[in-house]
Amino acid sequence: MMRNLSPKQLTKPMRNPLDNDPYNRLLSWFADRSLAVVAFSGGVDSTLVLRVACEALGPARVIAVTG
């Protein structure tokens, strides 16, 4: 179903959906550091954090620690 937009809606600046994207915020948080140590359990959450840290810093500057 098509939606009709008013002229006011067409001229309204669109919000960048990446501004509040948690993935990009985490990536930018890691990018501000020189190295990282990630507590890695092997679950989904810690795997994502490790992945983002490696993407932001490069694998040589990230250490994954398991206990």
C-alpha atoms as a PDB file:
ATOM      1  CA  MET A   1       0.000   0.000   0.000  1.00  0.00           C
ATOM      2  CA  MET A   2       1.457   3.366  -1.033  1.00  0.00           C
ATOM      3  CA  ARG A   3       1.373   6.220   1.429  1.00  0.00           C
ATOM      4  CA  ASN A   4       0.828   9.799   0.304  1.00  0.00           C
ATOM      5  CA  LEU A   5       3.327  12.210   1.815  1.00  0.00           C
ATOM      6  CA  SER A   6       2.583  15.873   2.318  1.00  0.00           C
ATOM      7  CA  PRO A   7       5.011  18.486   0.916  1.00  0.00           C
ATOM      8  CA  LYS A   8       6.077  19.229   4.503  1.00  0.00           C
ATOM      9  CA  GLN A   9       7.046  15.573   5.031  1.00  0.00           C
ATOM     10  CA  LEU A  10       8.987  15.519   1.774  1.00  0.00           C
ATOM     11  CA  THR A  11      11.159  18.486   2.763  1.00  0.00           C
ATOM     12  CA  LYS A  12      11.785  17.317   6.328  1.00  0.00           C
ATOM     13  CA  PRO A  13      15.417  16.145   6.685  1.00  0.00           C
ATOM     14  CA  MET A  14      15.675  12.423   7.246  1.00  0.00           C
ATOM     15  CA  ARG A  15      17.369  11.181  10.392  1.00  0.00           C
ATOM     16  CA  ASN A  16      20.386   8.996   9.731  1.00  0.00           C
ATOM     17  CA  PRO A  17      19.393   5.524  11.042  1.00  0.00           C
ATOM     18  CA  LEU A  18      23.059   4.796  11.816  1.00  0.00           C
ATOM     19  CA  ASP A  19      23.324   7.640  14.353  1.00  0.00           C
ATOM     20  CA  ASN A  20      21.921   5.533  17.171  1.00  0.00           C
ATOM     21  CA  ASP A  21      22.856   2.117  15.833  1.00  0.00           C
ATOM     22  CA  PRO A  22      24.342   0.139  18.752  1.00  0.00           C
ATOM     23  CA  TYR A  23      26.779  -1.692  16.460  1.00  0.00           C
ATOM     24  CA  ASN A  24      28.250   1.565  15.131  1.00  0.00           C
ATOM     25  CA  ARG A  25      28.371   3.113  18.606  1.00  0.00           C
ATOM     26  CA  LEU A  26      30.314   0.084  19.893  1.00  0.00           C
ATOM     27  CA  LEU A  27      32.611   0.201  16.865  1.00  0.00           C
ATOM     28  CA  SER A  28      33.331   3.866  17.494  1.00  0.00           C
ATOM     29  CA  TRP A  29      33.899   3.206  21.229  1.00  0.00           C
ATOM     30  CA  PHE A  30      36.605   0.652  20.405  1.00  0.00           C
ATOM     31  CA  ALA A  31      38.112   2.894  17.723  1.00  0.00           C
ATOM     32  CA  ASP A  32      38.974   5.433  20.442  1.00  0.00           C
ATOM     33  CA  ARG A  33      41.212   2.887  22.214  1.00  0.00           C
ATOM     34  CA  SER A  34      44.689   1.645  21.414  1.00  0.00           C
ATOM     35  CA  LEU A  35      44.070  -1.981  22.444  1.00  0.00           C
ATOM     36  CA  ALA A  36      41.411  -4.123  24.093  1.00  0.00           C
ATOM     37  CA  VAL A  37      41.023  -7.176  26.296  1.00  0.00           C
ATOM     38  CA  VAL A  38      37.653  -8.889  25.809  1.00  0.00           C
ATOM     39  CA  ALA A  39      36.238 -11.406  28.296  1.00  0.00           C
ATOM     40  CA  PHE A  40      35.150 -14.115  25.849  1.00  0.00           C
ATOM     41  CA  SER A  41      32.679 -16.796  26.956  1.00  0.00           C
ATOM     42  CA  GLY A  42      31.888 -18.135  23.504  1.00  0.00           C
ATOM     43  CA  GLY A  43      28.291 -16.909  23.653  1.00  0.00           C
ATOM     44  CA  VAL A  44      26.599 -14.616  21.181  1.00  0.00           C
ATOM     45  CA  ASP A  45      27.155 -11.385  23.125  1.00  0.00           C
ATOM     46  CA  SER A  46      30.865 -11.781  23.802  1.00  0.00           C
ATOM     47  CA  THR A  47      31.432 -13.063  20.270  1.00  0.00           C
ATOM     48  CA  LEU A  48      29.876  -9.885  18.877  1.00  0.00           C
ATOM     49  CA  VAL A  49      31.961  -7.679  21.188  1.00  0.00           C
ATOM     50  CA  LEU A  50      35.122  -9.551  20.154  1.00  0.00           C
ATOM     51  CA  ARG A  51      34.211  -9.215  16.471  1.00  0.00           C
ATOM     52  CA  VAL A  52      33.617  -5.480  16.770  1.00  0.00           C
ATOM     53  CA  ALA A  53      36.850  -4.984  18.715  1.00  0.00           C
ATOM     54  CA  CYS A  54      38.815  -6.824  16.018  1.00  0.00           C
ATOM     55  CA  GLU A  55      37.107  -4.815  13.290  1.00  0.00           C
ATOM     56  CA  ALA A  56      37.867  -1.503  15.008  1.00  0.00           C
ATOM     57  CA  LEU A  57      41.415  -2.201  16.195  1.00  0.00           C
ATOM     58  CA  GLY A  58      42.672  -5.084  14.101  1.00  0.00           C
ATOM     59  CA  PRO A  59      43.194  -8.576  15.550  1.00  0.00           C
ATOM     60  CA  ALA A  60      46.790  -7.855  16.601  1.00  0.00           C
ATOM     61  CA  ARG A  61      45.569  -5.265  19.131  1.00  0.00           C
ATOM     62  CA  VAL A  62      42.807  -7.390  20.739  1.00  0.00           C
ATOM     63  CA  ILE A  63      43.190 -10.124  23.344  1.00  0.00           C
ATOM     64  CA  ALA A  64      40.324 -12.546  24.064  1.00  0.00           C
ATOM     65  CA  VAL A  65      40.381 -14.003  27.580  1.00  0.00           C
ATOM     66  CA  THR A  66      38.364 -17.011  28.731  1.00  0.00           C
ATOM     67  CA  GLY A  67      38.035 -18.258  32.279  1.00  0.00           C
END
